[in-house]
Amino acid sequence: MLMYPTWVLREMKRICEVADVLFIADEIMTGWGRTGTLFASEQANITPDIVCYSKGITGGALPLAVTLCRADIFEAHYSSDRTRTFFHSSSYTANPVACAAAKANLELWKDPETRCRMMSVAAMQENAIEPFRADARFENVRRTGTVTALDLKASDAGYLAGIGPKLQSFFKDRNLLLRPLGNTIYVMPPYCVMAADIDEIYAGIRDAADAFGGFCGSAA
């Protein structure tokens, strides 16, 4: 769960342009308001050559993914010549039920109230995570839009940290749907989340730090 400033994205796009390399933006997780704007690329004021959307495209109701590209890239593959065809179809391509869910979700994003709700969730997330910045048991406490993440200090920190499965089991027993990435705990609540839900989530995170204090500490 790495977070970086918008200038990094802009510089990546500049490097790709100089090198005549296609710039692909993976907005599967960051799209649909997660970073504070509809898409993360907006914050860097860039237009990707190719972009990938999924997850939030249906509001999380059904699985669906879409890849968009510049017109010239599309035209390069639009041909009856099989040597130029971009073979991308699969068994569930253009599933009508999933597409209907996506259409309904797109209509919701046209409503200003949807973006207001997104900003409200971001504010709740900031208020909830702020106390953890002064908690010595955690480090790299961060937030971008509606996404927060913090690292529980552990002797074997990293994606495969031994504390990861223990944390996941702990949260499951608390009826909290959280999936730590090793010793990194991240929170991506649905936009229908309420303040009481947020309080319960972060209370669980504090309790997890209390429960697993023996696993924490600096590496030897």
C-alpha atoms as a PDB file:
ATOM      1  CA  MET A   1       0.000   0.000   0.000  1.00  0.00           C
ATOM      2  CA  LEU A   2       2.453   2.606  -1.261  1.00  0.00           C
ATOM      3  CA  MET A   3       1.384   6.210  -1.657  1.00  0.00           C
ATOM      4  CA  TYR A   4       3.303   8.856  -3.566  1.00  0.00           C
ATOM      5  CA  PRO A   5       2.739  12.504  -4.551  1.00  0.00           C
ATOM      6  CA  THR A   6       1.175  13.508  -7.851  1.00  0.00           C
ATOM      7  CA  TRP A   7       4.450  14.872  -9.266  1.00  0.00           C
ATOM      8  CA  VAL A   8       5.751  11.293  -9.423  1.00  0.00           C
ATOM      9  CA  LEU A   9       2.904  10.306 -11.733  1.00  0.00           C
ATOM     10  CA  ARG A  10       3.468  13.364 -13.896  1.00  0.00           C
ATOM     11  CA  GLU A  11       7.175  12.567 -14.169  1.00  0.00           C
ATOM     12  CA  MET A  12       6.419   8.983 -15.157  1.00  0.00           C
ATOM     13  CA  LYS A  13       4.165  10.266 -17.925  1.00  0.00           C
ATOM     14  CA  ARG A  14       6.856  12.704 -19.093  1.00  0.00           C
ATOM     15  CA  ILE A  15       9.485   9.953 -19.223  1.00  0.00           C
ATOM     16  CA  CYS A  16       7.146   7.739 -21.259  1.00  0.00           C
ATOM     17  CA  GLU A  17       6.493  10.547 -23.720  1.00  0.00           C
ATOM     18  CA  VAL A  18      10.195  11.242 -24.171  1.00  0.00           C
ATOM     19  CA  ALA A  19      10.932   7.540 -24.682  1.00  0.00           C
ATOM     20  CA  ASP A  20       7.890   7.061 -26.947  1.00  0.00           C
ATOM     21  CA  VAL A  21       6.534   4.431 -24.586  1.00  0.00           C
ATOM     22  CA  LEU A  22       2.839   3.925 -23.853  1.00  0.00           C
ATOM     23  CA  PHE A  23       1.767   5.114 -20.420  1.00  0.00           C
ATOM     24  CA  ILE A  24      -0.680   2.674 -18.800  1.00  0.00           C
ATOM     25  CA  ALA A  25      -2.600   3.751 -15.695  1.00  0.00           C
ATOM     26  CA  ASP A  26      -3.888   0.954 -13.482  1.00  0.00           C
ATOM     27  CA  GLU A  27      -6.896   2.615 -11.844  1.00  0.00           C
ATOM     28  CA  ILE A  28      -8.536  -0.622 -10.759  1.00  0.00           C
ATOM     29  CA  MET A  29      -8.096   0.192  -7.075  1.00  0.00           C
ATOM     30  CA  THR A  30      -7.552   3.952  -7.250  1.00  0.00           C
ATOM     31  CA  GLY A  31     -10.479   4.751  -9.527  1.00  0.00           C
ATOM     32  CA  TRP A  32     -14.017   5.795  -8.659  1.00  0.00           C
ATOM     33  CA  GLY A  33     -13.136   8.287  -5.976  1.00  0.00           C
ATOM     34  CA  ARG A  34     -10.731   6.278  -3.849  1.00  0.00           C
ATOM     35  CA  THR A  35      -7.940   8.875  -3.951  1.00  0.00           C
ATOM     36  CA  GLY A  36     -10.177  11.941  -3.579  1.00  0.00           C
ATOM     37  CA  THR A  37     -11.001  12.517  -7.253  1.00  0.00           C
ATOM     38  CA  LEU A  38     -12.919  10.297  -9.632  1.00  0.00           C
ATOM     39  CA  PHE A  39      -9.599   8.977 -10.975  1.00  0.00           C
ATOM     40  CA  ALA A  40      -6.096   9.394  -9.581  1.00  0.00           C
ATOM     41  CA  SER A  41      -4.779  10.577 -12.953  1.00  0.00           C
ATOM     42  CA  GLU A  42      -6.900  13.717 -12.597  1.00  0.00           C
ATOM     43  CA  GLN A  43      -4.815  14.877  -9.637  1.00  0.00           C
ATOM     44  CA  ALA A  44      -1.655  14.713 -11.747  1.00  0.00           C
ATOM     45  CA  ASN A  45      -3.473  16.428 -14.635  1.00  0.00           C
ATOM     46  CA  ILE A  46      -2.423  13.728 -17.092  1.00  0.00           C
ATOM     47  CA  THR A  47      -4.229  11.590 -19.661  1.00  0.00           C
ATOM     48  CA  PRO A  48      -3.006   7.976 -19.854  1.00  0.00           C
ATOM     49  CA  ASP A  49      -2.547   6.276 -23.208  1.00  0.00           C
ATOM     50  CA  ILE A  50      -4.218   3.175 -21.809  1.00  0.00           C
ATOM     51  CA  VAL A  51      -6.211   2.918 -18.591  1.00  0.00           C
ATOM     52  CA  CYS A  52      -7.660  -0.044 -16.690  1.00  0.00           C
ATOM     53  CA  TYR A  53     -10.853   0.195 -14.629  1.00  0.00           C
ATOM     54  CA  SER A  54     -12.583  -2.413 -12.486  1.00  0.00           C
ATOM     55  CA  LYS A  55     -13.963  -2.970  -8.968  1.00  0.00           C
ATOM     56  CA  GLY A  56     -15.702   0.363  -8.388  1.00  0.00           C
ATOM     57  CA  ILE A  57     -17.045   0.497 -11.931  1.00  0.00           C
ATOM     58  CA  THR A  58     -20.104  -1.447 -10.702  1.00  0.00           C
ATOM     59  CA  GLY A  59     -19.977  -0.037  -7.191  1.00  0.00           C
ATOM     60  CA  GLY A  60     -18.523  -3.381  -6.142  1.00  0.00           C
ATOM     61  CA  ALA A  61     -21.837  -5.122  -6.848  1.00  0.00           C
ATOM     62  CA  LEU A  62     -20.625  -7.381  -9.664  1.00  0.00           C
ATOM     63  CA  PRO A  63     -17.247  -8.201 -11.266  1.00  0.00           C
ATOM     64  CA  LEU A  64     -16.513  -6.159 -14.365  1.00  0.00           C
ATOM     65  CA  ALA A  65     -13.386  -4.690 -15.926  1.00  0.00           C
ATOM     66  CA  VAL A  66     -12.721  -2.406 -18.873  1.00  0.00           C
ATOM     67  CA  THR A  67      -9.617  -1.212 -20.681  1.00  0.00           C
ATOM     68  CA  LEU A  68      -9.747   2.133 -22.483  1.00  0.00           C
ATOM     69  CA  CYS A  69      -7.145   3.540 -24.846  1.00  0.00           C
ATOM     70  CA  ARG A  70      -6.407   6.382 -27.243  1.00  0.00           C
ATOM     71  CA  ALA A  71      -8.255   6.281 -30.556  1.00  0.00           C
ATOM     72  CA  ASP A  72      -5.101   5.564 -32.564  1.00  0.00           C
ATOM     73  CA  ILE A  73      -4.275   2.555 -30.373  1.00  0.00           C
ATOM     74  CA  PHE A  74      -7.800   1.238 -30.827  1.00  0.00           C
ATOM     75  CA  GLU A  75      -7.684   1.734 -34.585  1.00  0.00           C
ATOM     76  CA  ALA A  76      -4.361  -0.150 -34.789  1.00  0.00           C
ATOM     77  CA  HIS A  77      -6.204  -3.305 -33.712  1.00  0.00           C
ATOM     78  CA  TYR A  78      -9.561  -2.663 -35.388  1.00  0.00           C
ATOM     79  CA  SER A  79      -9.296  -4.764 -38.517  1.00  0.00           C
ATOM     80  CA  SER A  80     -10.608  -7.888 -40.199  1.00  0.00           C
ATOM     81  CA  ASP A  81      -6.966  -8.863 -40.689  1.00  0.00           C
ATOM     82  CA  ARG A  82      -6.405 -11.553 -38.080  1.00  0.00           C
ATOM     83  CA  THR A  83      -2.716 -10.646 -37.744  1.00  0.00           C
ATOM     84  CA  ARG A  84      -3.757  -7.223 -36.398  1.00  0.00           C
ATOM     85  CA  THR A  85      -6.623  -8.355 -34.199  1.00  0.00           C
ATOM     86  CA  PHE A  86      -6.333  -7.796 -30.467  1.00  0.00           C
ATOM     87  CA  PHE A  87      -7.700 -11.084 -29.127  1.00  0.00           C
ATOM     88  CA  HIS A  88      -9.091  -9.923 -25.826  1.00  0.00           C
ATOM     89  CA  SER A  89     -12.498 -11.580 -25.464  1.00  0.00           C
ATOM     90  CA  SER A  90     -13.353 -14.103 -22.778  1.00  0.00           C
ATOM     91  CA  SER A  91     -16.319 -16.137 -21.569  1.00  0.00           C
ATOM     92  CA  TYR A  92     -17.874 -13.255 -19.660  1.00  0.00           C
ATOM     93  CA  THR A  93     -17.100 -10.416 -22.060  1.00  0.00           C
ATOM     94  CA  ALA A  94     -19.822  -7.718 -21.971  1.00  0.00           C
ATOM     95  CA  ASN A  95     -21.910  -9.638 -19.447  1.00  0.00           C
ATOM     96  CA  PRO A  96     -25.225  -7.767 -19.674  1.00  0.00           C
ATOM     97  CA  VAL A  97     -26.040  -7.930 -15.964  1.00  0.00           C
ATOM     98  CA  ALA A  98     -22.615  -6.593 -14.938  1.00  0.00           C
ATOM     99  CA  CYS A  99     -22.804  -3.899 -17.623  1.00  0.00           C
ATOM    100  CA  ALA A 100     -26.246  -2.858 -16.351  1.00  0.00           C
ATOM    101  CA  ALA A 101     -24.800  -2.500 -12.850  1.00  0.00           C
ATOM    102  CA  ALA A 102     -21.968  -0.382 -14.228  1.00  0.00           C
ATOM    103  CA  LYS A 103     -24.413   1.841 -16.114  1.00  0.00           C
ATOM    104  CA  ALA A 104     -26.412   2.407 -12.946  1.00  0.00           C
ATOM    105  CA  ASN A 105     -23.235   3.223 -11.046  1.00  0.00           C
ATOM    106  CA  LEU A 106     -22.142   5.728 -13.696  1.00  0.00           C
ATOM    107  CA  GLU A 107     -25.456   7.501 -13.266  1.00  0.00           C
ATOM    108  CA  LEU A 108     -24.806   7.766  -9.531  1.00  0.00           C
ATOM    109  CA  TRP A 109     -21.460   9.457 -10.191  1.00  0.00           C
ATOM    110  CA  LYS A 110     -23.246  12.164 -12.144  1.00  0.00           C
ATOM    111  CA  ASP A 111     -25.006  13.168  -8.912  1.00  0.00           C
ATOM    112  CA  PRO A 112     -22.977  15.772  -6.947  1.00  0.00           C
ATOM    113  CA  GLU A 113     -24.150  14.113  -3.734  1.00  0.00           C
ATOM    114  CA  THR A 114     -22.068  11.050  -4.583  1.00  0.00           C
ATOM    115  CA  ARG A 115     -18.873  13.107  -4.633  1.00  0.00           C
ATOM    116  CA  CYS A 116     -19.930  14.878  -1.459  1.00  0.00           C
ATOM    117  CA  ARG A 117     -20.322  11.487   0.189  1.00  0.00           C
ATOM    118  CA  MET A 118     -16.859  10.488  -1.005  1.00  0.00           C
ATOM    119  CA  MET A 119     -15.400  13.621   0.599  1.00  0.00           C
ATOM    120  CA  SER A 120     -17.294  12.894   3.801  1.00  0.00           C
ATOM    121  CA  VAL A 121     -15.784   9.407   4.010  1.00  0.00           C
ATOM    122  CA  ALA A 122     -12.316  10.880   3.415  1.00  0.00           C
ATOM    123  CA  ALA A 123     -12.851  13.311   6.296  1.00  0.00           C
ATOM    124  CA  MET A 124     -14.020  10.519   8.608  1.00  0.00           C
ATOM    125  CA  GLN A 125     -10.963   8.499   7.671  1.00  0.00           C
ATOM    126  CA  GLU A 126      -8.627  11.405   8.459  1.00  0.00           C
ATOM    127  CA  ASN A 127     -10.240  12.024  11.838  1.00  0.00           C
ATOM    128  CA  ALA A 128     -10.023   8.344  12.723  1.00  0.00           C
ATOM    129  CA  ILE A 129      -6.404   7.806  11.728  1.00  0.00           C
ATOM    130  CA  GLU A 130      -4.989  11.049  13.146  1.00  0.00           C
ATOM    131  CA  PRO A 131      -4.454   9.659  16.721  1.00  0.00           C
ATOM    132  CA  PHE A 132      -2.376   6.787  15.327  1.00  0.00           C
ATOM    133  CA  ARG A 133       0.287   9.228  14.114  1.00  0.00           C
ATOM    134  CA  ALA A 134       1.283   9.693  17.759  1.00  0.00           C
ATOM    135  CA  ASP A 135       1.065   5.982  18.626  1.00  0.00           C
ATOM    136  CA  ALA A 136       4.610   4.590  18.876  1.00  0.00           C
ATOM    137  CA  ARG A 137       3.404   1.108  17.951  1.00  0.00           C
ATOM    138  CA  PHE A 138       2.671   2.266  14.404  1.00  0.00           C
ATOM    139  CA  GLU A 139       4.681   3.959  11.690  1.00  0.00           C
ATOM    140  CA  ASN A 140       4.132   5.372   8.207  1.00  0.00           C
ATOM    141  CA  VAL A 141       0.564   6.367   9.053  1.00  0.00           C
ATOM    142  CA  ARG A 142      -0.928   7.716   5.834  1.00  0.00           C
ATOM    143  CA  ARG A 143      -4.089   8.620   3.971  1.00  0.00           C
ATOM    144  CA  THR A 144      -4.971   9.416   0.366  1.00  0.00           C
ATOM    145  CA  GLY A 145      -8.611  10.235  -0.250  1.00  0.00           C
ATOM    146  CA  THR A 146     -10.768   7.540   1.327  1.00  0.00           C
ATOM    147  CA  VAL A 147      -7.861   5.097   1.750  1.00  0.00           C
ATOM    148  CA  THR A 148      -5.803   4.861   4.939  1.00  0.00           C
ATOM    149  CA  ALA A 149      -2.874   2.630   5.795  1.00  0.00           C
ATOM    150  CA  LEU A 150      -0.530   2.222   8.731  1.00  0.00           C
ATOM    151  CA  ASP A 151       2.275  -0.183   9.561  1.00  0.00           C
ATOM    152  CA  LEU A 152       2.245  -2.053  12.846  1.00  0.00           C
ATOM    153  CA  LYS A 153       5.865  -2.192  13.943  1.00  0.00           C
ATOM    154  CA  ALA A 154       7.083  -5.780  13.723  1.00  0.00           C
ATOM    155  CA  SER A 155      10.424  -7.549  13.790  1.00  0.00           C
ATOM    156  CA  ASP A 156       9.678  -9.273  10.473  1.00  0.00           C
ATOM    157  CA  ALA A 157       7.994  -6.413   8.652  1.00  0.00           C
ATOM    158  CA  GLY A 158       6.989  -6.884   5.035  1.00  0.00           C
ATOM    159  CA  TYR A 159       4.363  -8.474   2.816  1.00  0.00           C
ATOM    160  CA  LEU A 160       5.042 -11.932   4.282  1.00  0.00           C
ATOM    161  CA  ALA A 161       5.378 -10.784   7.897  1.00  0.00           C
ATOM    162  CA  GLY A 162       4.320 -13.512  10.300  1.00  0.00           C
ATOM    163  CA  ILE A 163       1.994 -11.141  12.098  1.00  0.00           C
ATOM    164  CA  GLY A 164      -0.131 -10.752   8.963  1.00  0.00           C
ATOM    165  CA  PRO A 165      -2.178 -13.977   9.290  1.00  0.00           C
ATOM    166  CA  LYS A 166      -2.558 -13.341  13.021  1.00  0.00           C
ATOM    167  CA  LEU A 167      -3.969  -9.892  12.363  1.00  0.00           C
ATOM    168  CA  GLN A 168      -6.337 -11.226   9.722  1.00  0.00           C
ATOM    169  CA  SER A 169      -7.646 -13.884  12.078  1.00  0.00           C
ATOM    170  CA  PHE A 170      -8.011 -11.327  14.872  1.00  0.00           C
ATOM    171  CA  PHE A 171     -10.072  -8.984  12.702  1.00  0.00           C
ATOM    172  CA  LYS A 172     -12.203 -11.865  11.439  1.00  0.00           C
ATOM    173  CA  ASP A 173     -13.083 -12.800  15.020  1.00  0.00           C
ATOM    174  CA  ARG A 174     -14.128  -9.171  15.537  1.00  0.00           C
ATOM    175  CA  ASN A 175     -16.354  -9.324  12.437  1.00  0.00           C
ATOM    176  CA  LEU A 176     -14.140  -6.777  10.704  1.00  0.00           C
ATOM    177  CA  LEU A 177     -13.471  -7.361   7.021  1.00  0.00           C
ATOM    178  CA  LEU A 178      -9.837  -6.225   6.931  1.00  0.00           C
ATOM    179  CA  ARG A 179      -7.029  -7.943   5.032  1.00  0.00           C
ATOM    180  CA  PRO A 180      -3.608  -6.797   6.235  1.00  0.00           C
ATOM    181  CA  LEU A 181      -0.711  -6.866   3.782  1.00  0.00           C
ATOM    182  CA  GLY A 182       1.828  -8.355   6.151  1.00  0.00           C
ATOM    183  CA  ASN A 183       2.207  -5.853   8.983  1.00  0.00           C
ATOM    184  CA  THR A 184       0.477  -3.126   6.944  1.00  0.00           C
ATOM    185  CA  ILE A 185      -3.143  -2.546   7.873  1.00  0.00           C
ATOM    186  CA  TYR A 186      -5.205  -0.655   5.322  1.00  0.00           C
ATOM    187  CA  VAL A 187      -8.803   0.537   5.424  1.00  0.00           C
ATOM    188  CA  MET A 188     -10.905   1.059   2.279  1.00  0.00           C
ATOM    189  CA  PRO A 189     -14.497   1.352   3.488  1.00  0.00           C
ATOM    190  CA  PRO A 190     -17.529   1.418   1.193  1.00  0.00           C
ATOM    191  CA  TYR A 191     -19.002   4.866   0.679  1.00  0.00           C
ATOM    192  CA  CYS A 192     -22.094   3.865   2.657  1.00  0.00           C
ATOM    193  CA  VAL A 193     -19.944   3.484   5.805  1.00  0.00           C
ATOM    194  CA  MET A 194     -21.177   5.288   8.906  1.00  0.00           C
ATOM    195  CA  ALA A 195     -19.184   7.038  11.619  1.00  0.00           C
ATOM    196  CA  ALA A 196     -19.973   4.242  14.092  1.00  0.00           C
ATOM    197  CA  ASP A 197     -18.541   1.707  11.644  1.00  0.00           C
ATOM    198  CA  ILE A 198     -15.337   3.727  11.293  1.00  0.00           C
ATOM    199  CA  ASP A 199     -15.026   3.925  15.087  1.00  0.00           C
ATOM    200  CA  GLU A 200     -15.419   0.151  15.359  1.00  0.00           C
ATOM    201  CA  ILE A 201     -12.770  -0.473  12.714  1.00  0.00           C
ATOM    202  CA  TYR A 202     -10.120   1.673  14.357  1.00  0.00           C
ATOM    203  CA  ALA A 203     -10.981   0.383  17.823  1.00  0.00           C
ATOM    204  CA  GLY A 204     -10.253  -3.069  16.428  1.00  0.00           C
ATOM    205  CA  ILE A 205      -6.914  -1.889  15.067  1.00  0.00           C
ATOM    206  CA  ARG A 206      -5.944  -0.472  18.467  1.00  0.00           C
ATOM    207  CA  ASP A 207      -6.984  -3.699  20.168  1.00  0.00           C
ATOM    208  CA  ALA A 208      -4.922  -5.693  17.674  1.00  0.00           C
ATOM    209  CA  ALA A 209      -1.849  -3.670  18.613  1.00  0.00           C
ATOM    210  CA  ASP A 210      -2.577  -4.429  22.279  1.00  0.00           C
ATOM    211  CA  ALA A 211      -3.030  -8.142  21.561  1.00  0.00           C
ATOM    212  CA  PHE A 212       0.116  -8.581  19.514  1.00  0.00           C
ATOM    213  CA  GLY A 213       2.520  -6.350  21.404  1.00  0.00           C
ATOM    214  CA  GLY A 214       4.825  -9.322  21.867  1.00  0.00           C
ATOM    215  CA  PHE A 215       5.321  -9.631  18.109  1.00  0.00           C
ATOM    216  CA  CYS A 216       6.243  -6.002  17.679  1.00  0.00           C
ATOM    217  CA  GLY A 217       9.539  -4.250  17.966  1.00  0.00           C
ATOM    218  CA  SER A 218      12.594  -3.364  15.962  1.00  0.00           C
ATOM    219  CA  ALA A 219      14.430  -5.934  13.954  1.00  0.00           C
ATOM    220  CA  ALA A 220      17.485  -7.373  15.671  1.00  0.00           C
END
